[in-house]
Amino acid sequence: MNQDSQEIASQSSIVEEVKTELNDIDAREVSEHSERYEALHQKLQETLSGIDGL
């Protein structure tokens, strides 16, 4: 597997993780949503920064 294929697979994995996390958040009490959304937001920021090479 070349580097481009690995990056695409990694990005797809991240998308699946985010989708799973959003579904999990939806199943939780509303009082827990804010903290979970903040953690998910941080993960997305880190991922996007890594993709952009910032």
N, C-alpha and C. Protein backbone atom coordinates (compact mmCIF):
# COMPACT_ATOMS: atom_id res chain seq x y z
N MET A 1 0.85 -1.17 0.00
CA MET A 1 0.00 0.00 0.00
C MET A 1 0.90 1.24 0.00
N ASN A 2 0.68 2.16 -0.96
CA ASN A 2 1.52 3.34 -1.01
C ASN A 2 1.01 4.40 -0.03
N GLN A 3 1.76 5.48 0.09
CA GLN A 3 1.46 6.51 1.08
C GLN A 3 0.09 7.15 0.83
N ASP A 4 -0.26 7.42 -0.43
CA ASP A 4 -1.56 8.01 -0.74
C ASP A 4 -2.70 7.09 -0.30
N SER A 5 -2.56 5.81 -0.55
CA SER A 5 -3.58 4.84 -0.16
C SER A 5 -3.71 4.77 1.35
N GLN A 6 -2.58 4.84 2.04
CA GLN A 6 -2.59 4.82 3.51
C GLN A 6 -3.29 6.05 4.06
N GLU A 7 -3.03 7.21 3.48
CA GLU A 7 -3.67 8.45 3.93
C GLU A 7 -5.17 8.40 3.71
N ILE A 8 -5.60 7.89 2.57
CA ILE A 8 -7.03 7.77 2.28
C ILE A 8 -7.69 6.81 3.26
N ALA A 9 -7.04 5.68 3.53
CA ALA A 9 -7.57 4.71 4.48
C ALA A 9 -7.66 5.32 5.87
N SER A 10 -6.66 6.08 6.25
CA SER A 10 -6.65 6.74 7.56
C SER A 10 -7.78 7.76 7.66
N GLN A 11 -7.97 8.54 6.60
CA GLN A 11 -9.03 9.55 6.58
C GLN A 11 -10.40 8.88 6.64
N SER A 12 -10.56 7.77 5.94
CA SER A 12 -11.83 7.04 5.98
C SER A 12 -12.08 6.51 7.38
N SER A 13 -11.03 6.04 8.03
CA SER A 13 -11.15 5.54 9.39
C SER A 13 -11.58 6.66 10.34
N ILE A 14 -11.03 7.82 10.16
CA ILE A 14 -11.38 8.96 11.00
C ILE A 14 -12.84 9.34 10.79
N VAL A 15 -13.29 9.32 9.55
CA VAL A 15 -14.69 9.63 9.25
C VAL A 15 -15.60 8.63 9.95
N GLU A 16 -15.24 7.35 9.90
CA GLU A 16 -16.05 6.33 10.57
C GLU A 16 -16.05 6.53 12.08
N GLU A 17 -14.91 6.89 12.65
CA GLU A 17 -14.83 7.15 14.09
C GLU A 17 -15.72 8.31 14.49
N VAL A 18 -15.71 9.36 13.68
CA VAL A 18 -16.54 10.53 13.96
C VAL A 18 -18.02 10.17 13.88
N LYS A 19 -18.39 9.42 12.86
CA LYS A 19 -19.78 9.00 12.72
C LYS A 19 -20.21 8.16 13.92
N THR A 20 -19.36 7.25 14.34
CA THR A 20 -19.66 6.41 15.50
C THR A 20 -19.81 7.27 16.76
N GLU A 21 -18.90 8.21 16.93
CA GLU A 21 -18.95 9.09 18.10
C GLU A 21 -20.22 9.93 18.09
N LEU A 22 -20.61 10.45 16.94
CA LEU A 22 -21.84 11.24 16.86
C LEU A 22 -23.07 10.39 17.21
N ASN A 23 -23.09 9.16 16.75
CA ASN A 23 -24.19 8.27 17.11
C ASN A 23 -24.20 7.98 18.61
N ASP A 24 -23.02 7.82 19.17
CA ASP A 24 -22.91 7.57 20.61
C ASP A 24 -23.39 8.79 21.40
N ILE A 25 -22.99 9.97 20.95
CA ILE A 25 -23.43 11.20 21.62
C ILE A 25 -24.95 11.29 21.58
N ASP A 26 -25.53 10.97 20.46
CA ASP A 26 -26.97 11.04 20.30
C ASP A 26 -27.70 10.13 21.30
N ALA A 27 -27.06 9.03 21.66
CA ALA A 27 -27.67 8.07 22.58
C ALA A 27 -27.48 8.47 24.04
N ARG A 28 -26.68 9.49 24.32
CA ARG A 28 -26.39 9.92 25.69
C ARG A 28 -27.37 10.97 26.17
N GLU A 29 -27.32 11.20 27.46
CA GLU A 29 -28.12 12.27 28.05
C GLU A 29 -27.65 13.61 27.48
N VAL A 30 -28.59 14.53 27.32
CA VAL A 30 -28.27 15.85 26.76
C VAL A 30 -27.21 16.55 27.60
N SER A 31 -27.21 16.33 28.88
CA SER A 31 -26.23 16.97 29.76
C SER A 31 -24.80 16.58 29.44
N GLU A 32 -24.60 15.46 28.75
CA GLU A 32 -23.26 14.99 28.38
C GLU A 32 -22.82 15.48 27.01
N HIS A 33 -23.73 16.02 26.23
CA HIS A 33 -23.43 16.38 24.84
C HIS A 33 -22.31 17.40 24.72
N SER A 34 -22.36 18.45 25.49
CA SER A 34 -21.38 19.53 25.35
C SER A 34 -19.94 19.03 25.49
N GLU A 35 -19.69 18.28 26.54
CA GLU A 35 -18.34 17.77 26.78
C GLU A 35 -17.90 16.84 25.65
N ARG A 36 -18.80 16.00 25.19
CA ARG A 36 -18.46 15.06 24.12
C ARG A 36 -18.23 15.78 22.80
N TYR A 37 -19.06 16.80 22.51
CA TYR A 37 -18.87 17.58 21.29
C TYR A 37 -17.53 18.33 21.33
N GLU A 38 -17.17 18.85 22.48
CA GLU A 38 -15.88 19.55 22.61
C GLU A 38 -14.72 18.60 22.31
N ALA A 39 -14.78 17.39 22.85
CA ALA A 39 -13.71 16.41 22.61
C ALA A 39 -13.66 16.03 21.13
N LEU A 40 -14.82 15.85 20.53
CA LEU A 40 -14.87 15.51 19.11
C LEU A 40 -14.34 16.66 18.25
N HIS A 41 -14.70 17.87 18.62
CA HIS A 41 -14.22 19.04 17.90
C HIS A 41 -12.69 19.12 17.95
N GLN A 42 -12.12 18.87 19.12
CA GLN A 42 -10.66 18.89 19.27
C GLN A 42 -10.02 17.83 18.38
N LYS A 43 -10.60 16.65 18.35
CA LYS A 43 -10.07 15.56 17.52
C LYS A 43 -10.11 15.95 16.04
N LEU A 44 -11.21 16.55 15.61
CA LEU A 44 -11.32 16.99 14.22
C LEU A 44 -10.31 18.08 13.89
N GLN A 45 -10.10 19.02 14.80
CA GLN A 45 -9.12 20.08 14.56
C GLN A 45 -7.73 19.49 14.41
N GLU A 46 -7.38 18.55 15.28
CA GLU A 46 -6.05 17.93 15.20
C GLU A 46 -5.89 17.17 13.88
N THR A 47 -6.92 16.47 13.50
CA THR A 47 -6.87 15.70 12.25
C THR A 47 -6.72 16.62 11.05
N LEU A 48 -7.52 17.68 11.00
CA LEU A 48 -7.44 18.60 9.87
C LEU A 48 -6.09 19.33 9.83
N SER A 49 -5.57 19.66 10.99
CA SER A 49 -4.25 20.30 11.02
C SER A 49 -3.19 19.37 10.46
N GLY A 50 -3.30 18.09 10.77
CA GLY A 50 -2.34 17.09 10.27
C GLY A 50 -2.44 16.92 8.76
N ILE A 51 -3.65 16.97 8.25
CA ILE A 51 -3.86 16.84 6.80
C ILE A 51 -3.28 18.04 6.07
N ASP A 52 -3.51 19.22 6.63
CA ASP A 52 -3.03 20.45 6.01
C ASP A 52 -1.54 20.66 6.23
N GLY A 53 -0.96 19.90 7.17
CA GLY A 53 0.45 20.05 7.46
C GLY A 53 0.77 21.32 8.23
N LEU A 54 -0.21 21.80 8.98
CA LEU A 54 -0.01 23.05 9.73
C LEU A 54 0.67 22.81 11.04
